[in-house]
Amino acid sequence: MKTASYGRIVFGAAAVLFGVIALMWHDADTWQNLQHIWTLPFGTIIGGCLMTAQIAGGIGMQHPRTARLASVVLCVVYLCFSLACIPDIIAASNIYERYGGSFFLFFSLFCGAIALYAATEANAAKAVVFGRVARLGLGVCAISFTLGQMLLLRETADLVPKWIPPNQMFWAILTTVAFGLAAIAILMNRQARLAMRLMLDLPKTIHAQTGNDL
Protein backbone atom coordinates (compact mmCIF):
# COMPACT_ATOMS: atom_id res chain seq x y z
CA MET A 1 0.00 0.00 0.00
CA LYS A 2 2.87 2.37 0.80
CA THR A 3 4.44 1.64 -2.59
CA ALA A 4 1.14 2.44 -4.32
CA SER A 5 0.93 5.74 -2.40
CA TYR A 6 4.49 6.67 -3.33
CA GLY A 7 3.78 5.84 -6.96
CA ARG A 8 0.65 8.01 -6.95
CA ILE A 9 2.52 10.94 -5.38
CA VAL A 10 5.50 10.72 -7.75
CA PHE A 11 3.26 10.31 -10.82
CA GLY A 12 1.27 13.36 -9.77
CA ALA A 13 4.38 15.43 -9.02
CA ALA A 14 5.78 14.61 -12.47
CA ALA A 15 2.50 15.70 -14.08
CA VAL A 16 2.70 19.04 -12.26
CA LEU A 17 6.35 19.58 -13.18
CA PHE A 18 5.97 18.83 -16.89
CA GLY A 19 2.71 20.76 -17.07
CA VAL A 20 4.38 23.86 -15.63
CA ILE A 21 7.36 23.54 -18.02
CA ALA A 22 5.12 23.15 -21.06
CA LEU A 23 2.78 25.94 -19.99
CA MET A 24 5.55 28.43 -19.30
CA TRP A 25 7.90 27.69 -22.22
CA HIS A 26 5.86 25.66 -24.75
CA ASP A 27 8.91 23.40 -24.70
CA ALA A 28 8.67 20.84 -27.52
CA ASP A 29 11.76 19.04 -26.19
CA THR A 30 10.00 18.27 -22.91
CA TRP A 31 6.80 16.98 -24.50
CA GLN A 32 7.91 15.69 -27.89
CA ASN A 33 5.40 16.02 -30.76
CA LEU A 34 3.07 18.33 -28.82
CA GLN A 35 3.93 21.23 -31.11
CA HIS A 36 0.90 20.02 -33.08
CA ILE A 37 -1.32 21.19 -30.23
CA TRP A 38 0.22 24.65 -30.09
CA THR A 39 -0.10 25.09 -33.89
CA LEU A 40 -3.81 24.19 -34.04
CA PRO A 41 -6.43 26.93 -34.48
CA PHE A 42 -6.82 28.29 -30.95
CA GLY A 43 -3.91 25.97 -30.13
CA THR A 44 -2.59 28.26 -27.42
CA ILE A 45 -5.93 28.10 -25.63
CA ILE A 46 -6.30 24.33 -26.17
CA GLY A 47 -2.73 23.66 -25.07
CA GLY A 48 -3.08 25.93 -22.07
CA CYS A 49 -6.25 24.14 -20.98
CA LEU A 50 -4.63 20.72 -21.35
CA MET A 51 -1.50 21.73 -19.44
CA THR A 52 -3.60 23.37 -16.73
CA ALA A 53 -5.69 20.20 -16.47
CA GLN A 54 -2.49 18.17 -16.22
CA ILE A 55 -1.23 20.35 -13.38
CA ALA A 56 -4.61 20.14 -11.62
CA GLY A 57 -4.63 16.36 -12.05
CA GLY A 58 -1.12 16.11 -10.66
CA ILE A 59 -2.09 18.15 -7.62
CA GLY A 60 -5.21 16.04 -7.15
CA MET A 61 -3.03 12.93 -7.15
CA GLN A 62 -1.39 14.10 -3.94
CA HIS A 63 -4.60 13.54 -1.96
CA PRO A 64 -6.31 10.13 -1.69
CA ARG A 65 -9.79 11.71 -1.67
CA THR A 66 -9.25 13.43 -5.02
CA ALA A 67 -7.02 10.79 -6.64
CA ARG A 68 -9.89 9.10 -8.48
CA LEU A 69 -11.08 12.29 -10.18
CA ALA A 70 -7.46 13.30 -10.83
CA SER A 71 -6.75 9.98 -12.55
CA VAL A 72 -9.72 10.55 -14.88
CA VAL A 73 -8.44 14.05 -15.71
CA LEU A 74 -4.95 12.71 -16.49
CA CYS A 75 -6.43 9.89 -18.60
CA VAL A 76 -8.15 12.50 -20.78
CA VAL A 77 -5.03 14.69 -20.99
CA TYR A 78 -2.65 11.86 -21.88
CA LEU A 79 -5.09 10.43 -24.40
CA CYS A 80 -5.13 13.83 -26.12
CA PHE A 81 -1.33 13.91 -26.02
CA SER A 82 -1.23 10.45 -27.62
CA LEU A 83 -3.65 11.45 -30.38
CA ALA A 84 -1.56 14.56 -31.08
CA CYS A 85 1.23 12.25 -32.26
CA ILE A 86 -0.84 10.72 -35.07
CA PRO A 87 0.09 13.40 -37.68
CA ASP A 88 3.76 12.51 -37.22
CA ILE A 89 2.99 8.81 -37.67
CA ILE A 90 1.15 9.53 -40.94
CA ALA A 91 3.88 11.78 -42.34
CA ALA A 92 6.86 10.01 -40.78
CA SER A 93 10.15 9.62 -42.58
CA ASN A 94 11.77 8.29 -39.42
CA ILE A 95 11.27 4.52 -39.25
CA TYR A 96 10.58 4.62 -35.50
CA GLU A 97 7.81 7.17 -35.89
CA ARG A 98 6.28 5.07 -38.66
CA TYR A 99 5.69 2.30 -36.09
CA GLY A 100 4.14 4.52 -33.46
CA GLY A 101 7.17 6.27 -32.04
CA SER A 102 6.29 8.99 -29.59
CA PHE A 103 2.65 7.87 -29.52
CA PHE A 104 3.62 5.05 -27.19
CA LEU A 105 5.59 7.37 -24.92
CA PHE A 106 2.38 9.24 -24.16
CA PHE A 107 0.26 6.10 -24.27
CA SER A 108 2.39 4.66 -21.47
CA LEU A 109 1.42 7.67 -19.35
CA PHE A 110 -2.20 7.07 -20.29
CA CYS A 111 -1.81 3.48 -19.06
CA GLY A 112 -0.29 4.79 -15.82
CA ALA A 113 -3.32 6.99 -15.26
CA ILE A 114 -5.61 4.01 -15.90
CA ALA A 115 -3.65 1.98 -13.35
CA LEU A 116 -4.10 4.73 -10.77
CA TYR A 117 -7.82 4.81 -11.54
CA ALA A 118 -7.91 1.04 -10.99
CA ALA A 119 -6.26 1.53 -7.60
CA THR A 120 -9.11 3.83 -6.55
CA GLU A 121 -11.90 1.59 -7.87
CA ALA A 122 -14.05 0.24 -5.03
CA ASN A 123 -15.51 -2.57 -7.13
CA ALA A 124 -12.94 -5.37 -7.05
CA ALA A 125 -14.00 -6.87 -10.38
CA LYS A 126 -13.76 -3.53 -12.17
CA ALA A 127 -10.43 -2.79 -10.52
CA VAL A 128 -9.04 -6.05 -11.92
CA VAL A 129 -10.28 -5.22 -15.42
CA PHE A 130 -8.81 -1.70 -15.41
CA GLY A 131 -5.58 -3.01 -13.93
CA ARG A 132 -5.33 -5.64 -16.66
CA VAL A 133 -5.96 -3.04 -19.37
CA ALA A 134 -3.20 -0.84 -17.93
CA ARG A 135 -0.77 -3.76 -17.74
CA LEU A 136 -1.41 -4.95 -21.29
CA GLY A 137 -1.20 -1.39 -22.62
CA LEU A 138 2.14 -0.87 -20.92
CA GLY A 139 3.32 -4.20 -22.31
CA VAL A 140 2.53 -3.01 -25.84
CA CYS A 141 4.43 0.21 -25.09
CA ALA A 142 7.43 -1.86 -24.00
CA ILE A 143 7.35 -3.66 -27.36
CA SER A 144 7.40 -0.26 -29.07
CA PHE A 145 10.37 0.88 -26.95
CA THR A 146 12.20 -2.33 -27.87
CA LEU A 147 11.53 -1.87 -31.59
CA GLY A 148 12.51 1.79 -31.39
CA GLN A 149 15.93 0.95 -30.04
CA MET A 150 16.37 -1.98 -32.42
CA LEU A 151 15.50 0.10 -35.48
CA LEU A 152 17.63 3.01 -34.34
CA LEU A 153 20.36 1.08 -32.55
CA ARG A 154 23.23 3.27 -33.74
CA GLU A 155 21.34 6.44 -32.83
CA THR A 156 20.57 4.94 -29.41
CA ALA A 157 24.23 4.05 -28.90
CA ASP A 158 25.29 7.59 -29.83
CA LEU A 159 23.28 8.92 -26.86
CA VAL A 160 25.45 6.97 -24.41
CA PRO A 161 28.55 8.87 -23.21
CA LYS A 162 31.73 7.38 -24.68
CA TRP A 163 33.47 7.31 -21.31
CA ILE A 164 31.07 4.73 -19.85
CA PRO A 165 32.70 1.25 -20.14
CA PRO A 166 32.73 -1.04 -21.94
CA ASN A 167 31.31 0.88 -24.95
CA GLN A 168 28.23 2.69 -26.29
CA MET A 169 26.87 -0.23 -28.32
CA PHE A 170 26.99 -2.55 -25.30
CA TRP A 171 24.59 -0.32 -23.37
CA ALA A 172 22.35 0.19 -26.38
CA ILE A 173 22.01 -3.58 -26.85
CA LEU A 174 21.63 -4.24 -23.11
CA THR A 175 18.79 -1.75 -22.68
CA THR A 176 17.09 -3.01 -25.85
CA VAL A 177 17.16 -6.57 -24.51
CA ALA A 178 15.93 -5.32 -21.12
CA PHE A 179 12.94 -3.60 -22.73
CA GLY A 180 12.17 -6.78 -24.69
CA LEU A 181 12.31 -8.97 -21.58
CA ALA A 182 10.14 -6.47 -19.70
CA ALA A 183 7.57 -6.59 -22.50
CA ILE A 184 7.42 -10.39 -22.31
CA ALA A 185 7.10 -10.40 -18.50
CA ILE A 186 4.38 -7.73 -18.50
CA LEU A 187 2.30 -9.30 -21.26
CA MET A 188 2.62 -12.81 -19.76
CA ASN A 189 1.97 -11.42 -16.26
CA ARG A 190 5.07 -13.11 -14.85
CA GLN A 191 6.84 -10.83 -12.34
CA ALA A 192 5.04 -8.04 -14.20
CA ARG A 193 5.23 -5.54 -11.34
CA LEU A 194 8.99 -5.98 -11.00
CA ALA A 195 9.39 -5.74 -14.79
CA MET A 196 7.42 -2.49 -14.90
CA ARG A 197 9.46 -0.94 -12.11
CA LEU A 198 12.76 -1.92 -13.73
CA MET A 199 11.57 -0.82 -17.16
CA LEU A 200 10.55 2.61 -15.91
CA ASP A 201 14.01 3.00 -14.36
CA LEU A 202 15.70 2.49 -17.75
CA PRO A 203 14.72 5.79 -19.39
CA LYS A 204 15.52 7.68 -16.19
CA THR A 205 18.97 6.08 -16.01
CA ILE A 206 19.75 6.81 -19.65
CA HIS A 207 18.42 10.36 -19.33
CA ALA A 208 20.61 10.95 -16.28
CA GLN A 209 23.66 9.67 -18.16
CA THR A 210 23.10 11.53 -21.41
CA GLY A 211 20.87 14.51 -20.73
CA ASN A 212 18.76 13.41 -23.73
CA ASP A 213 15.47 11.68 -24.30
CA LEU A 214 15.36 8.51 -26.35
C-alpha atoms as a PDB file:
ATOM      1  CA  MET A   1       0.000   0.000   0.000  1.00  0.00           C
ATOM      2  CA  LYS A   2       2.875   2.374   0.796  1.00  0.00           C
ATOM      3  CA  THR A   3       4.437   1.638  -2.590  1.00  0.00           C
ATOM      4  CA  ALA A   4       1.142   2.445  -4.316  1.00  0.00           C
ATOM      5  CA  SER A   5       0.929   5.737  -2.397  1.00  0.00           C
ATOM      6  CA  TYR A   6       4.490   6.671  -3.329  1.00  0.00           C
ATOM      7  CA  GLY A   7       3.784   5.838  -6.965  1.00  0.00           C
ATOM      8  CA  ARG A   8       0.654   8.007  -6.948  1.00  0.00           C
ATOM      9  CA  ILE A   9       2.519  10.939  -5.381  1.00  0.00           C
ATOM     10  CA  VAL A  10       5.495  10.724  -7.752  1.00  0.00           C
ATOM     11  CA  PHE A  11       3.256  10.314 -10.817  1.00  0.00           C
ATOM     12  CA  GLY A  12       1.269  13.362  -9.766  1.00  0.00           C
ATOM     13  CA  ALA A  13       4.378  15.426  -9.018  1.00  0.00           C
ATOM     14  CA  ALA A  14       5.779  14.611 -12.466  1.00  0.00           C
ATOM     15  CA  ALA A  15       2.501  15.704 -14.076  1.00  0.00           C
ATOM     16  CA  VAL A  16       2.696  19.036 -12.255  1.00  0.00           C
ATOM     17  CA  LEU A  17       6.350  19.584 -13.182  1.00  0.00           C
ATOM     18  CA  PHE A  18       5.972  18.829 -16.892  1.00  0.00           C
ATOM     19  CA  GLY A  19       2.711  20.761 -17.070  1.00  0.00           C
ATOM     20  CA  VAL A  20       4.382  23.860 -15.633  1.00  0.00           C
ATOM     21  CA  ILE A  21       7.360  23.537 -18.016  1.00  0.00           C
ATOM     22  CA  ALA A  22       5.124  23.145 -21.062  1.00  0.00           C
ATOM     23  CA  LEU A  23       2.776  25.939 -19.988  1.00  0.00           C
ATOM     24  CA  MET A  24       5.551  28.433 -19.304  1.00  0.00           C
ATOM     25  CA  TRP A  25       7.896  27.685 -22.216  1.00  0.00           C
ATOM     26  CA  HIS A  26       5.857  25.659 -24.749  1.00  0.00           C
ATOM     27  CA  ASP A  27       8.908  23.405 -24.702  1.00  0.00           C
ATOM     28  CA  ALA A  28       8.670  20.841 -27.523  1.00  0.00           C
ATOM     29  CA  ASP A  29      11.764  19.044 -26.190  1.00  0.00           C
ATOM     30  CA  THR A  30      10.002  18.274 -22.906  1.00  0.00           C
ATOM     31  CA  TRP A  31       6.805  16.979 -24.496  1.00  0.00           C
ATOM     32  CA  GLN A  32       7.914  15.692 -27.890  1.00  0.00           C
ATOM     33  CA  ASN A  33       5.401  16.022 -30.763  1.00  0.00           C
ATOM     34  CA  LEU A  34       3.074  18.328 -28.818  1.00  0.00           C
ATOM     35  CA  GLN A  35       3.928  21.234 -31.108  1.00  0.00           C
ATOM     36  CA  HIS A  36       0.896  20.021 -33.081  1.00  0.00           C
ATOM     37  CA  ILE A  37      -1.317  21.190 -30.230  1.00  0.00           C
ATOM     38  CA  TRP A  38       0.217  24.651 -30.088  1.00  0.00           C
ATOM     39  CA  THR A  39      -0.105  25.090 -33.887  1.00  0.00           C
ATOM     40  CA  LEU A  40      -3.814  24.188 -34.042  1.00  0.00           C
ATOM     41  CA  PRO A  41      -6.427  26.929 -34.483  1.00  0.00           C
ATOM     42  CA  PHE A  42      -6.825  28.294 -30.946  1.00  0.00           C
ATOM     43  CA  GLY A  43      -3.910  25.968 -30.128  1.00  0.00           C
ATOM     44  CA  THR A  44      -2.589  28.263 -27.417  1.00  0.00           C
ATOM     45  CA  ILE A  45      -5.927  28.103 -25.635  1.00  0.00           C
ATOM     46  CA  ILE A  46      -6.305  24.333 -26.167  1.00  0.00           C
ATOM     47  CA  GLY A  47      -2.729  23.658 -25.073  1.00  0.00           C
ATOM     48  CA  GLY A  48      -3.076  25.933 -22.074  1.00  0.00           C
ATOM     49  CA  CYS A  49      -6.252  24.143 -20.982  1.00  0.00           C
ATOM     50  CA  LEU A  50      -4.629  20.718 -21.350  1.00  0.00           C
ATOM     51  CA  MET A  51      -1.505  21.733 -19.435  1.00  0.00           C
ATOM     52  CA  THR A  52      -3.596  23.366 -16.729  1.00  0.00           C
ATOM     53  CA  ALA A  53      -5.690  20.200 -16.474  1.00  0.00           C
ATOM     54  CA  GLN A  54      -2.494  18.169 -16.219  1.00  0.00           C
ATOM     55  CA  ILE A  55      -1.234  20.348 -13.378  1.00  0.00           C
ATOM     56  CA  ALA A  56      -4.610  20.139 -11.620  1.00  0.00           C
ATOM     57  CA  GLY A  57      -4.631  16.359 -12.054  1.00  0.00           C
ATOM     58  CA  GLY A  58      -1.118  16.113 -10.660  1.00  0.00           C
ATOM     59  CA  ILE A  59      -2.088  18.150  -7.622  1.00  0.00           C
ATOM     60  CA  GLY A  60      -5.214  16.042  -7.151  1.00  0.00           C
ATOM     61  CA  MET A  61      -3.034  12.932  -7.153  1.00  0.00           C
ATOM     62  CA  GLN A  62      -1.390  14.097  -3.942  1.00  0.00           C
ATOM     63  CA  HIS A  63      -4.602  13.541  -1.957  1.00  0.00           C
ATOM     64  CA  PRO A  64      -6.313  10.127  -1.690  1.00  0.00           C
ATOM     65  CA  ARG A  65      -9.786  11.711  -1.668  1.00  0.00           C
ATOM     66  CA  THR A  66      -9.248  13.432  -5.018  1.00  0.00           C
ATOM     67  CA  ALA A  67      -7.016  10.789  -6.637  1.00  0.00           C
ATOM     68  CA  ARG A  68      -9.890   9.101  -8.476  1.00  0.00           C
ATOM     69  CA  LEU A  69     -11.077  12.288 -10.184  1.00  0.00           C
ATOM     70  CA  ALA A  70      -7.459  13.299 -10.830  1.00  0.00           C
ATOM     71  CA  SER A  71      -6.746   9.977 -12.547  1.00  0.00           C
ATOM     72  CA  VAL A  72      -9.717  10.553 -14.880  1.00  0.00           C
ATOM     73  CA  VAL A  73      -8.440  14.046 -15.712  1.00  0.00           C
ATOM     74  CA  LEU A  74      -4.952  12.707 -16.485  1.00  0.00           C
ATOM     75  CA  CYS A  75      -6.430   9.894 -18.597  1.00  0.00           C
ATOM     76  CA  VAL A  76      -8.147  12.502 -20.781  1.00  0.00           C
ATOM     77  CA  VAL A  77      -5.029  14.689 -20.989  1.00  0.00           C
ATOM     78  CA  TYR A  78      -2.647  11.855 -21.879  1.00  0.00           C
ATOM     79  CA  LEU A  79      -5.094  10.425 -24.404  1.00  0.00           C
ATOM     80  CA  CYS A  80      -5.132  13.834 -26.120  1.00  0.00           C
ATOM     81  CA  PHE A  81      -1.334  13.912 -26.024  1.00  0.00           C
ATOM     82  CA  SER A  82      -1.230  10.449 -27.624  1.00  0.00           C
ATOM     83  CA  LEU A  83      -3.648  11.453 -30.385  1.00  0.00           C
ATOM     84  CA  ALA A  84      -1.558  14.564 -31.081  1.00  0.00           C
ATOM     85  CA  CYS A  85       1.231  12.248 -32.257  1.00  0.00           C
ATOM     86  CA  ILE A  86      -0.844  10.720 -35.073  1.00  0.00           C
ATOM     87  CA  PRO A  87       0.087  13.396 -37.676  1.00  0.00           C
ATOM     88  CA  ASP A  88       3.759  12.515 -37.218  1.00  0.00           C
ATOM     89  CA  ILE A  89       2.985   8.811 -37.673  1.00  0.00           C
ATOM     90  CA  ILE A  90       1.155   9.532 -40.944  1.00  0.00           C
ATOM     91  CA  ALA A  91       3.878  11.785 -42.340  1.00  0.00           C
ATOM     92  CA  ALA A  92       6.855  10.010 -40.783  1.00  0.00           C
ATOM     93  CA  SER A  93      10.153   9.624 -42.578  1.00  0.00           C
ATOM     94  CA  ASN A  94      11.771   8.286 -39.420  1.00  0.00           C
ATOM     95  CA  ILE A  95      11.274   4.516 -39.247  1.00  0.00           C
ATOM     96  CA  TYR A  96      10.580   4.617 -35.503  1.00  0.00           C
ATOM     97  CA  GLU A  97       7.809   7.175 -35.886  1.00  0.00           C
ATOM     98  CA  ARG A  98       6.277   5.066 -38.658  1.00  0.00           C
ATOM     99  CA  TYR A  99       5.694   2.296 -36.093  1.00  0.00           C
ATOM    100  CA  GLY A 100       4.142   4.518 -33.456  1.00  0.00           C
ATOM    101  CA  GLY A 101       7.170   6.270 -32.044  1.00  0.00           C
ATOM    102  CA  SER A 102       6.288   8.989 -29.592  1.00  0.00           C
ATOM    103  CA  PHE A 103       2.647   7.867 -29.521  1.00  0.00           C
ATOM    104  CA  PHE A 104       3.618   5.046 -27.195  1.00  0.00           C
ATOM    105  CA  LEU A 105       5.593   7.369 -24.920  1.00  0.00           C
ATOM    106  CA  PHE A 106       2.377   9.237 -24.159  1.00  0.00           C
ATOM    107  CA  PHE A 107       0.259   6.096 -24.273  1.00  0.00           C
ATOM    108  CA  SER A 108       2.394   4.657 -21.466  1.00  0.00           C
ATOM    109  CA  LEU A 109       1.423   7.674 -19.349  1.00  0.00           C
ATOM    110  CA  PHE A 110      -2.202   7.065 -20.290  1.00  0.00           C
ATOM    111  CA  CYS A 111      -1.814   3.475 -19.055  1.00  0.00           C
ATOM    112  CA  GLY A 112      -0.289   4.787 -15.824  1.00  0.00           C
ATOM    113  CA  ALA A 113      -3.324   6.995 -15.260  1.00  0.00           C
ATOM    114  CA  ILE A 114      -5.614   4.006 -15.898  1.00  0.00           C
ATOM    115  CA  ALA A 115      -3.645   1.979 -13.345  1.00  0.00           C
ATOM    116  CA  LEU A 116      -4.100   4.735 -10.772  1.00  0.00           C
ATOM    117  CA  TYR A 117      -7.820   4.810 -11.535  1.00  0.00           C
ATOM    118  CA  ALA A 118      -7.915   1.041 -10.986  1.00  0.00           C
ATOM    119  CA  ALA A 119      -6.262   1.532  -7.602  1.00  0.00           C
ATOM    120  CA  THR A 120      -9.111   3.835  -6.552  1.00  0.00           C
ATOM    121  CA  GLU A 121     -11.901   1.589  -7.866  1.00  0.00           C
ATOM    122  CA  ALA A 122     -14.048   0.240  -5.025  1.00  0.00           C
ATOM    123  CA  ASN A 123     -15.511  -2.567  -7.130  1.00  0.00           C
ATOM    124  CA  ALA A 124     -12.944  -5.370  -7.047  1.00  0.00           C
ATOM    125  CA  ALA A 125     -13.996  -6.871 -10.377  1.00  0.00           C
ATOM    126  CA  LYS A 126     -13.761  -3.531 -12.175  1.00  0.00           C
ATOM    127  CA  ALA A 127     -10.431  -2.795 -10.521  1.00  0.00           C
ATOM    128  CA  VAL A 128      -9.042  -6.053 -11.915  1.00  0.00           C
ATOM    129  CA  VAL A 129     -10.285  -5.216 -15.422  1.00  0.00           C
ATOM    130  CA  PHE A 130      -8.811  -1.704 -15.408  1.00  0.00           C
ATOM    131  CA  GLY A 131      -5.581  -3.010 -13.934  1.00  0.00           C
ATOM    132  CA  ARG A 132      -5.328  -5.641 -16.664  1.00  0.00           C
ATOM    133  CA  VAL A 133      -5.964  -3.036 -19.371  1.00  0.00           C
ATOM    134  CA  ALA A 134      -3.203  -0.840 -17.932  1.00  0.00           C
ATOM    135  CA  ARG A 135      -0.768  -3.758 -17.737  1.00  0.00           C
ATOM    136  CA  LEU A 136      -1.413  -4.948 -21.294  1.00  0.00           C
ATOM    137  CA  GLY A 137      -1.204  -1.394 -22.617  1.00  0.00           C
ATOM    138  CA  LEU A 138       2.136  -0.872 -20.922  1.00  0.00           C
ATOM    139  CA  GLY A 139       3.324  -4.199 -22.312  1.00  0.00           C
ATOM    140  CA  VAL A 140       2.533  -3.012 -25.837  1.00  0.00           C
ATOM    141  CA  CYS A 141       4.429   0.206 -25.087  1.00  0.00           C
ATOM    142  CA  ALA A 142       7.426  -1.857 -23.998  1.00  0.00           C
ATOM    143  CA  ILE A 143       7.345  -3.656 -27.357  1.00  0.00           C
ATOM    144  CA  SER A 144       7.404  -0.261 -29.071  1.00  0.00           C
ATOM    145  CA  PHE A 145      10.367   0.881 -26.954  1.00  0.00           C
ATOM    146  CA  THR A 146      12.200  -2.327 -27.869  1.00  0.00           C
ATOM    147  CA  LEU A 147      11.525  -1.870 -31.588  1.00  0.00           C
ATOM    148  CA  GLY A 148      12.508   1.789 -31.389  1.00  0.00           C
ATOM    149  CA  GLN A 149      15.926   0.949 -30.037  1.00  0.00           C
ATOM    150  CA  MET A 150      16.371  -1.977 -32.420  1.00  0.00           C
ATOM    151  CA  LEU A 151      15.498   0.099 -35.480  1.00  0.00           C
ATOM    152  CA  LEU A 152      17.627   3.013 -34.337  1.00  0.00           C
ATOM    153  CA  LEU A 153      20.360   1.080 -32.555  1.00  0.00           C
ATOM    154  CA  ARG A 154      23.232   3.268 -33.743  1.00  0.00           C
ATOM    155  CA  GLU A 155      21.341   6.443 -32.829  1.00  0.00           C
ATOM    156  CA  THR A 156      20.574   4.943 -29.410  1.00  0.00           C
ATOM    157  CA  ALA A 157      24.229   4.055 -28.896  1.00  0.00           C
ATOM    158  CA  ASP A 158      25.288   7.589 -29.825  1.00  0.00           C
ATOM    159  CA  LEU A 159      23.280   8.916 -26.858  1.00  0.00           C
ATOM    160  CA  VAL A 160      25.450   6.966 -24.409  1.00  0.00           C
ATOM    161  CA  PRO A 161      28.551   8.874 -23.214  1.00  0.00           C
ATOM    162  CA  LYS A 162      31.728   7.380 -24.684  1.00  0.00           C
ATOM    163  CA  TRP A 163      33.466   7.313 -21.310  1.00  0.00           C
ATOM    164  CA  ILE A 164      31.072   4.727 -19.845  1.00  0.00           C
ATOM    165  CA  PRO A 165      32.698   1.251 -20.136  1.00  0.00           C
ATOM    166  CA  PRO A 166      32.727  -1.041 -21.940  1.00  0.00           C
ATOM    167  CA  ASN A 167      31.311   0.879 -24.952  1.00  0.00           C
ATOM    168  CA  GLN A 168      28.233   2.687 -26.289  1.00  0.00           C
ATOM    169  CA  MET A 169      26.868  -0.232 -28.315  1.00  0.00           C
ATOM    170  CA  PHE A 170      26.992  -2.549 -25.299  1.00  0.00           C
ATOM    171  CA  TRP A 171      24.594  -0.321 -23.372  1.00  0.00           C
ATOM    172  CA  ALA A 172      22.347   0.191 -26.378  1.00  0.00           C
ATOM    173  CA  ILE A 173      22.006  -3.575 -26.845  1.00  0.00           C
ATOM    174  CA  LEU A 174      21.631  -4.243 -23.113  1.00  0.00           C
ATOM    175  CA  THR A 175      18.789  -1.749 -22.682  1.00  0.00           C
ATOM    176  CA  THR A 176      17.090  -3.012 -25.845  1.00  0.00           C
ATOM    177  CA  VAL A 177      17.158  -6.573 -24.511  1.00  0.00           C
ATOM    178  CA  ALA A 178      15.933  -5.324 -21.123  1.00  0.00           C
ATOM    179  CA  PHE A 179      12.943  -3.597 -22.733  1.00  0.00           C
ATOM    180  CA  GLY A 180      12.171  -6.777 -24.685  1.00  0.00           C
ATOM    181  CA  LEU A 181      12.307  -8.971 -21.580  1.00  0.00           C
ATOM    182  CA  ALA A 182      10.143  -6.469 -19.702  1.00  0.00           C
ATOM    183  CA  ALA A 183       7.569  -6.593 -22.499  1.00  0.00           C
ATOM    184  CA  ILE A 184       7.419 -10.393 -22.307  1.00  0.00           C
ATOM    185  CA  ALA A 185       7.101 -10.399 -18.504  1.00  0.00           C
ATOM    186  CA  ILE A 186       4.384  -7.729 -18.499  1.00  0.00           C
ATOM    187  CA  LEU A 187       2.296  -9.304 -21.261  1.00  0.00           C
ATOM    188  CA  MET A 188       2.618 -12.805 -19.758  1.00  0.00           C
ATOM    189  CA  ASN A 189       1.971 -11.420 -16.255  1.00  0.00           C
ATOM    190  CA  ARG A 190       5.068 -13.112 -14.846  1.00  0.00           C
ATOM    191  CA  GLN A 191       6.836 -10.832 -12.339  1.00  0.00           C
ATOM    192  CA  ALA A 192       5.036  -8.044 -14.200  1.00  0.00           C
ATOM    193  CA  ARG A 193       5.227  -5.539 -11.341  1.00  0.00           C
ATOM    194  CA  LEU A 194       8.988  -5.977 -10.996  1.00  0.00           C
ATOM    195  CA  ALA A 195       9.392  -5.740 -14.787  1.00  0.00           C
ATOM    196  CA  MET A 196       7.417  -2.490 -14.901  1.00  0.00           C
ATOM    197  CA  ARG A 197       9.461  -0.945 -12.106  1.00  0.00           C
ATOM    198  CA  LEU A 198      12.757  -1.923 -13.727  1.00  0.00           C
ATOM    199  CA  MET A 199      11.568  -0.820 -17.163  1.00  0.00           C
ATOM    200  CA  LEU A 200      10.554   2.610 -15.914  1.00  0.00           C
ATOM    201  CA  ASP A 201      14.010   3.004 -14.356  1.00  0.00           C
ATOM    202  CA  LEU A 202      15.702   2.485 -17.748  1.00  0.00           C
ATOM    203  CA  PRO A 203      14.719   5.791 -19.393  1.00  0.00           C
ATOM    204  CA  LYS A 204      15.522   7.683 -16.189  1.00  0.00           C
ATOM    205  CA  THR A 205      18.969   6.079 -16.010  1.00  0.00           C
ATOM    206  CA  ILE A 206      19.751   6.812 -19.646  1.00  0.00           C
ATOM    207  CA  HIS A 207      18.422  10.362 -19.329  1.00  0.00           C
ATOM    208  CA  ALA A 208      20.605  10.953 -16.285  1.00  0.00           C
ATOM    209  CA  GLN A 209      23.660   9.673 -18.164  1.00  0.00           C
ATOM    210  CA  THR A 210      23.096  11.534 -21.408  1.00  0.00           C
ATOM    211  CA  GLY A 211      20.870  14.510 -20.734  1.00  0.00           C
ATOM    212  CA  ASN A 212      18.760  13.414 -23.730  1.00  0.00           C
ATOM    213  CA  ASP A 213      15.466  11.676 -24.299  1.00  0.00           C
ATOM    214  CA  LEU A 214      15.362   8.509 -26.348  1.00  0.00           C
END
